[in-house]
Amino acid sequence: MWEEFIDMGIQIDHHKLETRQRHLSFDDPINIQFTSGTTGSPKGATLSHHSLLNNGYIAVKTQLTTEKDKIVIPVPLYHCFGMVLGIWVASVRGQP
């Protein structure tokens, strides 16, 4: 399954990819997490490409995650923990 995921990236038209990359910046918003935090009032926290990828990268480095580890995610993937650990950590390490 991981190989299929990687193959999908190989099939992308490089001209379209380069065009899209020229219009994106590392600090562009990519996700809005809605939370009530400690106040109890719902609000949106805007997360950037950099913040999400950096969180995954730091989690891999601090937890010494390898491609042989498994990640148990008891929350939905739209939850920040589920997204960062479930998607980015697995992607950084190439976990299936």
C-alpha atoms as a PDB file:
ATOM      1  CA  MET A   1       0.000   0.000   0.000  1.00  0.00           C
ATOM      2  CA  TRP A   2       2.864   2.414   0.763  1.00  0.00           C
ATOM      3  CA  GLU A   3       4.339   1.714  -2.659  1.00  0.00           C
ATOM      4  CA  GLU A   4       0.979   2.587  -4.264  1.00  0.00           C
ATOM      5  CA  PHE A   5       0.960   5.875  -2.376  1.00  0.00           C
ATOM      6  CA  ILE A   6       4.466   6.726  -3.599  1.00  0.00           C
ATOM      7  CA  ASP A   7       3.525   5.715  -7.159  1.00  0.00           C
ATOM      8  CA  MET A   8       0.659   8.233  -7.112  1.00  0.00           C
ATOM      9  CA  GLY A   9       3.237  11.001  -6.665  1.00  0.00           C
ATOM     10  CA  ILE A  10       5.283   9.744  -9.587  1.00  0.00           C
ATOM     11  CA  GLN A  11       2.245  10.022 -11.879  1.00  0.00           C
ATOM     12  CA  ILE A  12       1.750  13.758 -11.194  1.00  0.00           C
ATOM     13  CA  ASP A  13       2.328  16.061 -14.158  1.00  0.00           C
ATOM     14  CA  HIS A  14       5.569  17.905 -13.287  1.00  0.00           C
ATOM     15  CA  HIS A  15       4.522  21.120 -15.055  1.00  0.00           C
ATOM     16  CA  LYS A  16       1.311  21.290 -12.997  1.00  0.00           C
ATOM     17  CA  LEU A  17       3.269  20.546  -9.820  1.00  0.00           C
ATOM     18  CA  GLU A  18       5.829  23.291 -10.498  1.00  0.00           C
ATOM     19  CA  THR A  19       3.040  25.773 -11.286  1.00  0.00           C
ATOM     20  CA  ARG A  20       1.286  24.984  -8.018  1.00  0.00           C
ATOM     21  CA  GLN A  21       4.527  25.178  -6.026  1.00  0.00           C
ATOM     22  CA  ARG A  22       5.188  28.700  -7.313  1.00  0.00           C
ATOM     23  CA  HIS A  23       1.902  29.833  -5.787  1.00  0.00           C
ATOM     24  CA  LEU A  24       2.448  28.261  -2.352  1.00  0.00           C
ATOM     25  CA  SER A  25       4.480  29.385   0.623  1.00  0.00           C
ATOM     26  CA  PHE A  26       5.577  27.429   3.698  1.00  0.00           C
ATOM     27  CA  ASP A  27       3.560  29.733   5.942  1.00  0.00           C
ATOM     28  CA  ASP A  28       0.303  29.492   3.955  1.00  0.00           C
ATOM     29  CA  PRO A  29      -2.625  28.196   5.995  1.00  0.00           C
ATOM     30  CA  ILE A  30      -3.390  24.544   5.311  1.00  0.00           C
ATOM     31  CA  ASN A  31      -5.721  23.596   8.150  1.00  0.00           C
ATOM     32  CA  ILE A  32      -8.098  25.225  10.587  1.00  0.00           C
ATOM     33  CA  GLN A  33      -8.552  23.275  13.814  1.00  0.00           C
ATOM     34  CA  PHE A  34     -11.655  24.226  15.764  1.00  0.00           C
ATOM     35  CA  THR A  35     -11.213  24.007  19.486  1.00  0.00           C
ATOM     36  CA  SER A  36     -12.747  25.326  22.659  1.00  0.00           C
ATOM     37  CA  GLY A  37      -9.358  25.174  24.379  1.00  0.00           C
ATOM     38  CA  THR A  38      -9.450  26.165  28.016  1.00  0.00           C
ATOM     39  CA  THR A  39     -11.991  28.963  27.559  1.00  0.00           C
ATOM     40  CA  GLY A  40     -14.915  26.814  26.442  1.00  0.00           C
ATOM     41  CA  SER A  41     -15.618  29.201  23.546  1.00  0.00           C
ATOM     42  CA  PRO A  42     -15.140  27.606  20.110  1.00  0.00           C
ATOM     43  CA  LYS A  43     -12.478  29.220  17.933  1.00  0.00           C
ATOM     44  CA  GLY A  44     -10.423  28.339  14.906  1.00  0.00           C
ATOM     45  CA  ALA A  45      -6.663  27.951  15.126  1.00  0.00           C
ATOM     46  CA  THR A  46      -5.027  28.305  11.715  1.00  0.00           C
ATOM     47  CA  LEU A  47      -2.112  25.966  11.077  1.00  0.00           C
ATOM     48  CA  SER A  48       0.458  26.393   8.315  1.00  0.00           C
ATOM     49  CA  HIS A  49       2.203  23.860   6.085  1.00  0.00           C
ATOM     50  CA  HIS A  50       5.379  24.456   8.052  1.00  0.00           C
ATOM     51  CA  SER A  51       3.806  24.041  11.488  1.00  0.00           C
ATOM     52  CA  LEU A  52       2.161  20.715  10.627  1.00  0.00           C
ATOM     53  CA  LEU A  53       5.181  19.209   8.889  1.00  0.00           C
ATOM     54  CA  ASN A  54       7.532  20.515  11.562  1.00  0.00           C
ATOM     55  CA  ASN A  55       5.379  18.965  14.313  1.00  0.00           C
ATOM     56  CA  GLY A  56       5.554  15.591  12.566  1.00  0.00           C
ATOM     57  CA  TYR A  57       9.300  15.913  12.027  1.00  0.00           C
ATOM     58  CA  ILE A  58       9.954  16.857  15.661  1.00  0.00           C
ATOM     59  CA  ALA A  59       7.742  13.996  16.877  1.00  0.00           C
ATOM     60  CA  VAL A  60       9.776  11.536  14.795  1.00  0.00           C
ATOM     61  CA  LYS A  61      13.071  12.909  16.104  1.00  0.00           C
ATOM     62  CA  THR A  62      12.099  13.143  19.786  1.00  0.00           C
ATOM     63  CA  GLN A  63      10.331   9.782  19.917  1.00  0.00           C
ATOM     64  CA  LEU A  64      13.018   8.055  17.840  1.00  0.00           C
ATOM     65  CA  THR A  65      10.312   6.648  15.565  1.00  0.00           C
ATOM     66  CA  THR A  66      11.423   4.175  12.920  1.00  0.00           C
ATOM     67  CA  GLU A  67       9.685   2.665   9.920  1.00  0.00           C
ATOM     68  CA  LYS A  68       9.077  -0.476  12.018  1.00  0.00           C
ATOM     69  CA  ASP A  69       6.984   1.294  14.665  1.00  0.00           C
ATOM     70  CA  LYS A  70       3.187   1.218  14.669  1.00  0.00           C
ATOM     71  CA  ILE A  71       1.091   4.202  15.676  1.00  0.00           C
ATOM     72  CA  VAL A  72      -2.178   3.693  17.544  1.00  0.00           C
ATOM     73  CA  ILE A  73      -4.517   6.623  16.962  1.00  0.00           C
ATOM     74  CA  PRO A  74      -7.516   6.628  19.328  1.00  0.00           C
ATOM     75  CA  VAL A  75      -8.857   9.910  17.889  1.00  0.00           C
ATOM     76  CA  PRO A  76     -10.236  10.813  14.426  1.00  0.00           C
ATOM     77  CA  LEU A  77      -7.759  11.858  11.735  1.00  0.00           C
ATOM     78  CA  TYR A  78      -9.289  15.347  11.693  1.00  0.00           C
ATOM     79  CA  HIS A  79      -8.131  15.746  15.303  1.00  0.00           C
ATOM     80  CA  CYS A  80      -4.745  17.490  15.529  1.00  0.00           C
ATOM     81  CA  PHE A  81      -3.133  14.497  17.272  1.00  0.00           C
ATOM     82  CA  GLY A  82      -4.574  12.101  14.706  1.00  0.00           C
ATOM     83  CA  MET A  83      -3.459  14.252  11.814  1.00  0.00           C
ATOM     84  CA  VAL A  84       0.050  15.056  13.026  1.00  0.00           C
ATOM     85  CA  LEU A  85       0.957  11.664  14.457  1.00  0.00           C
ATOM     86  CA  GLY A  86      -1.271   9.541  12.282  1.00  0.00           C
ATOM     87  CA  ILE A  87      -0.394  11.092   8.971  1.00  0.00           C
ATOM     88  CA  TRP A  88       2.788  13.150   9.180  1.00  0.00           C
ATOM     89  CA  VAL A  89       4.859  10.912  11.436  1.00  0.00           C
ATOM     90  CA  ALA A  90       3.901   7.920   9.330  1.00  0.00           C
ATOM     91  CA  SER A  91       4.701   9.814   6.121  1.00  0.00           C
ATOM     92  CA  VAL A  92       8.062  11.075   7.376  1.00  0.00           C
ATOM     93  CA  ARG A  93       9.128   7.531   8.242  1.00  0.00           C
ATOM     94  CA  GLY A  94       7.415   5.772   5.356  1.00  0.00           C
ATOM     95  CA  GLN A  95       5.213   3.655   7.561  1.00  0.00           C
ATOM     96  CA  PRO A  96       2.408   1.694   5.936  1.00  0.00           C
END
